[in-house]
PDB file of all heavy atoms in Angstrom:
ATOM      1  N   PRO A   1     108.598  40.542 184.330  1.00  0.00           N
ATOM      2  CA  PRO A   1     108.222  41.767 185.058  1.00  0.00           C
ATOM      3  C   PRO A   1     107.697  42.885 184.141  1.00  0.00           C
ATOM      4  O   PRO A   1     106.756  43.594 184.504  1.00  0.00           O
ATOM      5  CB  PRO A   1     109.522  42.190 185.756  1.00  0.00           C
ATOM      6  CG  PRO A   1     110.279  40.918 185.919  1.00  0.00           C
ATOM      7  CD  PRO A   1     109.963  40.118 184.677  1.00  0.00           C
ATOM      8  N   PHE A   2     108.285  43.046 182.954  1.00  0.00           N
ATOM      9  CA  PHE A   2     107.798  44.066 182.023  1.00  0.00           C
ATOM     10  C   PHE A   2     106.348  43.795 181.639  1.00  0.00           C
ATOM     11  O   PHE A   2     105.500  44.690 181.677  1.00  0.00           O
ATOM     12  CB  PHE A   2     108.664  44.108 180.755  1.00  0.00           C
ATOM     13  CG  PHE A   2     108.082  44.987 179.688  1.00  0.00           C
ATOM     14  CD1 PHE A   2     108.275  46.362 179.719  1.00  0.00           C
ATOM     15  CD2 PHE A   2     107.327  44.451 178.663  1.00  0.00           C
ATOM     16  CE1 PHE A   2     107.728  47.184 178.744  1.00  0.00           C
ATOM     17  CE2 PHE A   2     106.772  45.258 177.677  1.00  0.00           C
ATOM     18  CZ  PHE A   2     106.973  46.626 177.724  1.00  0.00           C
ATOM     19  N   TYR A   3     106.029  42.552 181.287  1.00  0.00           N
ATOM     20  CA  TYR A   3     104.668  42.211 180.855  1.00  0.00           C
ATOM     21  C   TYR A   3     103.680  42.251 182.013  1.00  0.00           C
ATOM     22  O   TYR A   3     102.517  42.588 181.824  1.00  0.00           O
ATOM     23  CB  TYR A   3     104.657  40.866 180.120  1.00  0.00           C
ATOM     24  CG  TYR A   3     105.262  40.995 178.748  1.00  0.00           C
ATOM     25  CD1 TYR A   3     106.610  40.755 178.526  1.00  0.00           C
ATOM     26  CD2 TYR A   3     104.486  41.406 177.672  1.00  0.00           C
ATOM     27  CE1 TYR A   3     107.169  40.905 177.266  1.00  0.00           C
ATOM     28  CE2 TYR A   3     105.041  41.560 176.412  1.00  0.00           C
ATOM     29  CZ  TYR A   3     106.377  41.311 176.218  1.00  0.00           C
ATOM     30  OH  TYR A   3     106.922  41.476 174.959  1.00  0.00           O
ATOM     31  N   GLU A   4     104.132  41.924 183.227  1.00  0.00           N
ATOM     32  CA  GLU A   4     103.257  42.055 184.395  1.00  0.00           C
ATOM     33  C   GLU A   4     102.903  43.523 184.625  1.00  0.00           C
ATOM     34  O   GLU A   4     101.748  43.854 184.886  1.00  0.00           O
ATOM     35  CB  GLU A   4     103.916  41.453 185.635  1.00  0.00           C
ATOM     36  CG  GLU A   4     103.950  39.947 185.630  1.00  0.00           C
ATOM     37  CD  GLU A   4     104.612  39.356 186.863  1.00  0.00           C
ATOM     38  OE1 GLU A   4     105.569  39.972 187.408  1.00  0.00           O
ATOM     39  OE2 GLU A   4     104.188  38.270 187.283  1.00  0.00           O
ATOM     40  N   GLN A   5     103.894  44.391 184.504  1.00  0.00           N
ATOM     41  CA  GLN A   5     103.637  45.821 184.696  1.00  0.00           C
ATOM     42  C   GLN A   5     102.761  46.359 183.565  1.00  0.00           C
ATOM     43  O   GLN A   5     101.829  47.135 183.795  1.00  0.00           O
ATOM     44  CB  GLN A   5     104.943  46.600 184.761  1.00  0.00           C
ATOM     45  CG  GLN A   5     104.737  48.070 185.038  1.00  0.00           C
ATOM     46  CD  GLN A   5     106.062  48.804 185.200  1.00  0.00           C
ATOM     47  OE1 GLN A   5     107.134  48.225 185.062  1.00  0.00           O
ATOM     48  NE2 GLN A   5     105.973  50.082 185.505  1.00  0.00           N
ATOM     49  N   LEU A   6     103.042  45.948 182.342  1.00  0.00           N
ATOM     50  CA  LEU A   6     102.288  46.402 181.174  1.00  0.00           C
ATOM     51  C   LEU A   6     100.813  46.032 181.267  1.00  0.00           C
ATOM     52  O   LEU A   6      99.933  46.839 180.965  1.00  0.00           O
ATOM     53  CB  LEU A   6     102.895  45.793 179.904  1.00  0.00           C
ATOM     54  CG  LEU A   6     102.225  46.127 178.582  1.00  0.00           C
ATOM     55  CD1 LEU A   6     102.434  47.586 178.233  1.00  0.00           C
ATOM     56  CD2 LEU A   6     102.794  45.235 177.484  1.00  0.00           C
ATOM     57  N   THR A   7     100.533  44.807 181.716  1.00  0.00           N
ATOM     58  CA  THR A   7      99.160  44.305 181.722  1.00  0.00           C
ATOM     59  C   THR A   7      98.460  44.424 183.065  1.00  0.00           C
ATOM     60  O   THR A   7      97.234  44.280 183.135  1.00  0.00           O
ATOM     61  CB  THR A   7      99.130  42.818 181.313  1.00  0.00           C
ATOM     62  OG1 THR A   7      99.836  42.044 182.292  1.00  0.00           O
ATOM     63  CG2 THR A   7      99.756  42.610 179.938  1.00  0.00           C
ATOM     64  N   GLY A   8      99.224  44.628 184.150  1.00  0.00           N
ATOM     65  CA  GLY A   8      98.625  44.636 185.475  1.00  0.00           C
ATOM     66  C   GLY A   8      98.223  43.242 185.927  1.00  0.00           C
ATOM     67  O   GLY A   8      97.441  43.082 186.856  1.00  0.00           O
ATOM     68  N   SER A   9      98.765  42.222 185.272  1.00  0.00           N
ATOM     69  CA  SER A   9      98.454  40.827 185.582  1.00  0.00           C
ATOM     70  C   SER A   9      99.674  40.135 186.178  1.00  0.00           C
ATOM     71  O   SER A   9     100.811  40.522 185.909  1.00  0.00           O
ATOM     72  CB  SER A   9      98.065  40.072 184.308  1.00  0.00           C
ATOM     73  OG  SER A   9      96.947  40.646 183.701  1.00  0.00           O
ATOM     74  N   THR A  10      99.423  39.107 186.957  1.00  0.00           N
ATOM     75  CA  THR A  10     100.486  38.280 187.491  1.00  0.00           C
ATOM     76  C   THR A  10     100.698  37.097 186.559  1.00  0.00           C
ATOM     77  O   THR A  10      99.728  36.463 186.127  1.00  0.00           O
ATOM     78  CB  THR A  10     100.129  37.771 188.897  1.00  0.00           C
ATOM     79  OG1 THR A  10      99.910  38.912 189.741  1.00  0.00           O
ATOM     80  CG2 THR A  10     101.226  36.912 189.483  1.00  0.00           C
ATOM     81  N   ALA A  11     101.949  36.801 186.256  1.00  0.00           N
ATOM     82  CA  ALA A  11     102.272  35.708 185.341  1.00  0.00           C
ATOM     83  C   ALA A  11     101.934  34.361 185.952  1.00  0.00           C
ATOM     84  O   ALA A  11     102.126  34.136 187.144  1.00  0.00           O
ATOM     85  CB  ALA A  11     103.742  35.746 184.968  1.00  0.00           C
ATOM     86  N   SER A  12     101.437  33.494 185.109  1.00  0.00           N
ATOM     87  CA  SER A  12     101.239  32.092 185.455  1.00  0.00           C
ATOM     88  C   SER A  12     102.287  31.319 184.652  1.00  0.00           C
ATOM     89  O   SER A  12     102.246  31.319 183.428  1.00  0.00           O
ATOM     90  CB  SER A  12      99.821  31.654 185.073  1.00  0.00           C
ATOM     91  OG  SER A  12      99.684  30.272 185.232  1.00  0.00           O
ATOM     92  N   ARG A  13     103.224  30.700 185.352  1.00  0.00           N
ATOM     93  CA  ARG A  13     104.332  30.023 184.672  1.00  0.00           C
ATOM     94  C   ARG A  13     104.089  28.513 184.620  1.00  0.00           C
ATOM     95  O   ARG A  13     103.549  27.927 185.542  1.00  0.00           O
ATOM     96  CB  ARG A  13     105.638  30.299 185.395  1.00  0.00           C
ATOM     97  CG  ARG A  13     106.052  31.754 185.340  1.00  0.00           C
ATOM     98  CD  ARG A  13     107.285  31.947 186.191  1.00  0.00           C
ATOM     99  NE  ARG A  13     107.698  33.328 186.222  1.00  0.00           N
ATOM    100  CZ  ARG A  13     108.895  33.754 185.850  1.00  0.00           C
ATOM    101  NH1 ARG A  13     109.797  32.905 185.439  1.00  0.00           N
ATOM    102  NH2 ARG A  13     109.189  35.032 185.914  1.00  0.00           N
ATOM    103  N   PHE A  14     104.568  27.915 183.531  1.00  0.00           N
ATOM    104  CA  PHE A  14     104.469  26.473 183.381  1.00  0.00           C
ATOM    105  C   PHE A  14     105.465  26.020 182.329  1.00  0.00           C
ATOM    106  O   PHE A  14     106.051  26.833 181.609  1.00  0.00           O
ATOM    107  CB  PHE A  14     103.035  26.043 183.032  1.00  0.00           C
ATOM    108  CG  PHE A  14     102.461  26.701 181.803  1.00  0.00           C
ATOM    109  CD1 PHE A  14     102.424  26.027 180.590  1.00  0.00           C
ATOM    110  CD2 PHE A  14     101.945  27.990 181.860  1.00  0.00           C
ATOM    111  CE1 PHE A  14     101.897  26.637 179.459  1.00  0.00           C
ATOM    112  CE2 PHE A  14     101.403  28.603 180.738  1.00  0.00           C
ATOM    113  CZ  PHE A  14     101.383  27.920 179.529  1.00  0.00           C
ATOM    114  N   ALA A  15     105.676  24.731 182.243  1.00  0.00           N
ATOM    115  CA  ALA A  15     106.575  24.151 181.251  1.00  0.00           C
ATOM    116  C   ALA A  15     105.800  23.140 180.430  1.00  0.00           C
ATOM    117  O   ALA A  15     104.876  22.493 180.932  1.00  0.00           O
ATOM    118  CB  ALA A  15     107.760  23.482 181.927  1.00  0.00           C
ATOM    119  N   PHE A  16     106.160  23.032 179.162  1.00  0.00           N
ATOM    120  CA  PHE A  16     105.513  22.072 178.280  1.00  0.00           C
ATOM    121  C   PHE A  16     106.509  21.658 177.204  1.00  0.00           C
ATOM    122  O   PHE A  16     107.057  22.505 176.498  1.00  0.00           O
ATOM    123  CB  PHE A  16     104.266  22.689 177.632  1.00  0.00           C
ATOM    124  CG  PHE A  16     103.589  21.790 176.634  1.00  0.00           C
ATOM    125  CD1 PHE A  16     102.835  20.712 177.062  1.00  0.00           C
ATOM    126  CD2 PHE A  16     103.732  22.016 175.277  1.00  0.00           C
ATOM    127  CE1 PHE A  16     102.220  19.872 176.149  1.00  0.00           C
ATOM    128  CE2 PHE A  16     103.114  21.187 174.367  1.00  0.00           C
ATOM    129  CZ  PHE A  16     102.363  20.105 174.801  1.00  0.00           C
ATOM    130  N   ALA A  17     106.758  20.372 177.100  1.00  0.00           N
ATOM    131  CA  ALA A  17     107.600  19.790 176.055  1.00  0.00           C
ATOM    132  C   ALA A  17     108.949  20.501 175.924  1.00  0.00           C
ATOM    133  O   ALA A  17     109.391  20.817 174.816  1.00  0.00           O
ATOM    134  CB  ALA A  17     106.854  19.778 174.732  1.00  0.00           C
ATOM    135  N   GLY A  18     109.589  20.782 177.043  1.00  0.00           N
ATOM    136  CA  GLY A  18     110.903  21.395 177.019  1.00  0.00           C
ATOM    137  C   GLY A  18     110.917  22.898 176.844  1.00  0.00           C
ATOM    138  O   GLY A  18     111.976  23.496 176.677  1.00  0.00           O
ATOM    139  N   VAL A  19     109.746  23.525 176.876  1.00  0.00           N
ATOM    140  CA  VAL A  19     109.633  24.971 176.715  1.00  0.00           C
ATOM    141  C   VAL A  19     109.139  25.561 178.030  1.00  0.00           C
ATOM    142  O   VAL A  19     108.204  25.040 178.635  1.00  0.00           O
ATOM    143  CB  VAL A  19     108.651  25.329 175.574  1.00  0.00           C
ATOM    144  CG1 VAL A  19     108.511  26.831 175.427  1.00  0.00           C
ATOM    145  CG2 VAL A  19     109.086  24.692 174.275  1.00  0.00           C
ATOM    146  N   ASN A  20     109.746  26.655 178.473  1.00  0.00           N
ATOM    147  CA  ASN A  20     109.272  27.379 179.652  1.00  0.00           C
ATOM    148  C   ASN A  20     108.352  28.488 179.167  1.00  0.00           C
ATOM    149  O   ASN A  20     108.709  29.249 178.258  1.00  0.00           O
ATOM    150  CB  ASN A  20     110.454  27.963 180.430  1.00  0.00           C
ATOM    151  CG  ASN A  20     111.313  26.873 181.014  1.00  0.00           C
ATOM    152  OD1 ASN A  20     110.820  25.932 181.601  1.00  0.00           O
ATOM    153  ND2 ASN A  20     112.615  26.983 180.832  1.00  0.00           N
ATOM    154  N   LEU A  21     107.158  28.571 179.768  1.00  0.00           N
ATOM    155  CA  LEU A  21     106.157  29.530 179.333  1.00  0.00           C
ATOM    156  C   LEU A  21     105.650  30.359 180.503  1.00  0.00           C
ATOM    157  O   LEU A  21     105.698  29.921 181.645  1.00  0.00           O
ATOM    158  CB  LEU A  21     104.970  28.791 178.698  1.00  0.00           C
ATOM    159  CG  LEU A  21     105.309  27.909 177.509  1.00  0.00           C
ATOM    160  CD1 LEU A  21     105.255  26.453 177.901  1.00  0.00           C
ATOM    161  CD2 LEU A  21     104.372  28.176 176.377  1.00  0.00           C
ATOM    162  N   ALA A  22     105.137  31.545 180.163  1.00  0.00           N
ATOM    163  CA  ALA A  22     104.480  32.402 181.149  1.00  0.00           C
ATOM    164  C   ALA A  22     103.295  33.059 180.465  1.00  0.00           C
ATOM    165  O   ALA A  22     103.438  33.704 179.427  1.00  0.00           O
ATOM    166  CB  ALA A  22     105.438  33.453 181.686  1.00  0.00           C
ATOM    167  N   SER A  23     102.122  32.871 181.039  1.00  0.00           N
ATOM    168  CA  SER A  23     100.916  33.513 180.550  1.00  0.00           C
ATOM    169  C   SER A  23     100.724  34.788 181.366  1.00  0.00           C
ATOM    170  O   SER A  23     100.598  34.733 182.584  1.00  0.00           O
ATOM    171  CB  SER A  23      99.723  32.569 180.732  1.00  0.00           C
ATOM    172  OG  SER A  23      98.539  33.200 180.347  1.00  0.00           O
ATOM    173  N   VAL A  24     100.732  35.943 180.660  1.00  0.00           N
ATOM    174  CA  VAL A  24     100.602  37.236 181.332  1.00  0.00           C
ATOM    175  C   VAL A  24      99.585  38.058 180.557  1.00  0.00           C
ATOM    176  O   VAL A  24      99.872  38.555 179.469  1.00  0.00           O
ATOM    177  CB  VAL A  24     101.940  38.004 181.384  1.00  0.00           C
ATOM    178  CG1 VAL A  24     101.825  39.217 182.300  1.00  0.00           C
ATOM    179  CG2 VAL A  24     103.092  37.115 181.810  1.00  0.00           C
ATOM    180  N   GLY A  25      98.366  38.178 181.107  1.00  0.00           N
ATOM    181  CA  GLY A  25      97.319  38.896 180.382  1.00  0.00           C
ATOM    182  C   GLY A  25      97.119  38.276 179.011  1.00  0.00           C
ATOM    183  O   GLY A  25      96.998  37.062 178.891  1.00  0.00           O
ATOM    184  N   PRO A  26      97.154  39.086 177.940  1.00  0.00           N
ATOM    185  CA  PRO A  26      96.933  38.535 176.601  1.00  0.00           C
ATOM    186  C   PRO A  26      98.213  38.028 175.931  1.00  0.00           C
ATOM    187  O   PRO A  26      98.224  37.784 174.729  1.00  0.00           O
ATOM    188  CB  PRO A  26      96.376  39.737 175.836  1.00  0.00           C
ATOM    189  CG  PRO A  26      97.063  40.902 176.456  1.00  0.00           C
ATOM    190  CD  PRO A  26      97.171  40.547 177.934  1.00  0.00           C
ATOM    191  N   PHE A  27      99.294  37.848 176.696  1.00  0.00           N
ATOM    192  CA  PHE A  27     100.567  37.406 176.139  1.00  0.00           C
ATOM    193  C   PHE A  27     100.932  36.018 176.642  1.00  0.00           C
ATOM    194  O   PHE A  27     100.744  35.707 177.812  1.00  0.00           O
ATOM    195  CB  PHE A  27     101.701  38.369 176.520  1.00  0.00           C
ATOM    196  CG  PHE A  27     101.517  39.748 175.980  1.00  0.00           C
ATOM    197  CD1 PHE A  27     100.945  40.738 176.759  1.00  0.00           C
ATOM    198  CD2 PHE A  27     101.906  40.053 174.686  1.00  0.00           C
ATOM    199  CE1 PHE A  27     100.770  42.022 176.265  1.00  0.00           C
ATOM    200  CE2 PHE A  27     101.729  41.333 174.184  1.00  0.00           C
ATOM    201  CZ  PHE A  27     101.157  42.321 174.966  1.00  0.00           C
ATOM    202  N   LEU A  28     101.478  35.210 175.747  1.00  0.00           N
ATOM    203  CA  LEU A  28     102.071  33.933 176.118  1.00  0.00           C
ATOM    204  C   LEU A  28     103.546  34.041 175.756  1.00  0.00           C
ATOM    205  O   LEU A  28     103.909  34.033 174.573  1.00  0.00           O
ATOM    206  CB  LEU A  28     101.427  32.765 175.380  1.00  0.00           C
ATOM    207  CG  LEU A  28     102.015  31.390 175.696  1.00  0.00           C
ATOM    208  CD1 LEU A  28     101.811  31.035 177.176  1.00  0.00           C
ATOM    209  CD2 LEU A  28     101.384  30.326 174.803  1.00  0.00           C
ATOM    210  N   LEU A  29     104.372  34.211 176.774  1.00  0.00           N
ATOM    211  CA  LEU A  29     105.813  34.328 176.578  1.00  0.00           C
ATOM    212  C   LEU A  29     106.411  32.939 176.658  1.00  0.00           C
ATOM    213  O   LEU A  29     105.972  32.112 177.461  1.00  0.00           O
ATOM    214  CB  LEU A  29     106.423  35.214 177.661  1.00  0.00           C
ATOM    215  CG  LEU A  29     105.764  36.568 177.899  1.00  0.00           C
ATOM    216  CD1 LEU A  29     106.412  37.267 179.080  1.00  0.00           C
ATOM    217  CD2 LEU A  29     105.824  37.420 176.645  1.00  0.00           C
ATOM    218  N   PHE A  30     107.431  32.676 175.845  1.00  0.00           N
ATOM    219  CA  PHE A  30     108.056  31.362 175.906  1.00  0.00           C
ATOM    220  C   PHE A  30     109.541  31.476 175.597  1.00  0.00           C
ATOM    221  O   PHE A  30     109.986  32.364 174.876  1.00  0.00           O
ATOM    222  CB  PHE A  30     107.363  30.365 174.978  1.00  0.00           C
ATOM    223  CG  PHE A  30     107.344  30.758 173.530  1.00  0.00           C
ATOM    224  CD1 PHE A  30     108.309  30.292 172.649  1.00  0.00           C
ATOM    225  CD2 PHE A  30     106.349  31.585 173.037  1.00  0.00           C
ATOM    226  CE1 PHE A  30     108.286  30.645 171.311  1.00  0.00           C
ATOM    227  CE2 PHE A  30     106.314  31.942 171.698  1.00  0.00           C
ATOM    228  CZ  PHE A  30     107.295  31.467 170.830  1.00  0.00           C
ATOM    229  N   ALA A  31     110.298  30.566 176.198  1.00  0.00           N
ATOM    230  CA  ALA A  31     111.747  30.533 176.026  1.00  0.00           C
ATOM    231  C   ALA A  31     112.215  29.096 176.118  1.00  0.00           C
ATOM    232  O   ALA A  31     111.586  28.262 176.762  1.00  0.00           O
ATOM    233  CB  ALA A  31     112.430  31.381 177.094  1.00  0.00           C
ATOM    234  N   GLY A  32     113.326  28.844 175.477  1.00  0.00           N
ATOM    235  CA  GLY A  32     113.910  27.515 175.516  1.00  0.00           C
ATOM    236  C   GLY A  32     114.818  27.292 174.333  1.00  0.00           C
ATOM    237  O   GLY A  32     115.011  28.187 173.504  1.00  0.00           O
ATOM    238  N   PRO A  33     115.354  26.088 174.240  1.00  0.00           N
ATOM    239  CA  PRO A  33     116.236  25.765 173.117  1.00  0.00           C
ATOM    240  C   PRO A  33     115.466  25.810 171.789  1.00  0.00           C
ATOM    241  O   PRO A  33     114.260  25.533 171.748  1.00  0.00           O
ATOM    242  CB  PRO A  33     116.704  24.342 173.413  1.00  0.00           C
ATOM    243  CG  PRO A  33     116.173  23.975 174.746  1.00  0.00           C
ATOM    244  CD  PRO A  33     115.186  25.004 175.175  1.00  0.00           C
ATOM    245  N   ASP A  34     116.176  26.162 170.728  1.00  0.00           N
ATOM    246  CA  ASP A  34     115.539  26.297 169.410  1.00  0.00           C
ATOM    247  C   ASP A  34     114.681  25.098 169.035  1.00  0.00           C
ATOM    248  O   ASP A  34     113.554  25.256 168.573  1.00  0.00           O
ATOM    249  CB  ASP A  34     116.581  26.524 168.317  1.00  0.00           C
ATOM    250  CG  ASP A  34     117.110  27.937 168.310  1.00  0.00           C
ATOM    251  OD1 ASP A  34     116.443  28.836 168.865  1.00  0.00           O
ATOM    252  OD2 ASP A  34     118.206  28.150 167.747  1.00  0.00           O
ATOM    253  N   GLU A  35     115.198  23.893 169.209  1.00  0.00           N
ATOM    254  CA  GLU A  35     114.443  22.687 168.839  1.00  0.00           C
ATOM    255  C   GLU A  35     113.098  22.624 169.554  1.00  0.00           C
ATOM    256  O   GLU A  35     112.087  22.291 168.953  1.00  0.00           O
ATOM    257  CB  GLU A  35     115.243  21.433 169.177  1.00  0.00           C
ATOM    258  CG  GLU A  35     116.169  20.994 168.078  1.00  0.00           C
ATOM    259  CD  GLU A  35     116.830  19.674 168.428  1.00  0.00           C
ATOM    260  OE1 GLU A  35     116.137  18.754 168.907  1.00  0.00           O
ATOM    261  OE2 GLU A  35     118.051  19.582 168.217  1.00  0.00           O
ATOM    262  N   ALA A  36     113.106  22.928 170.840  1.00  0.00           N
ATOM    263  CA  ALA A  36     111.891  22.815 171.643  1.00  0.00           C
ATOM    264  C   ALA A  36     110.873  23.895 171.311  1.00  0.00           C
ATOM    265  O   ALA A  36     109.667  23.641 171.303  1.00  0.00           O
ATOM    266  CB  ALA A  36     112.228  22.853 173.127  1.00  0.00           C
TER     267      ALA A  36
END
């Protein structure tokens, strides 16, 4: 929500190789276990 408000963009969420990601404007946010 912070990055959506900051950029005025809606996040596009997806998962890849055990990582959860969200593309929001010029940012690619990611979260998950350290290994992944």
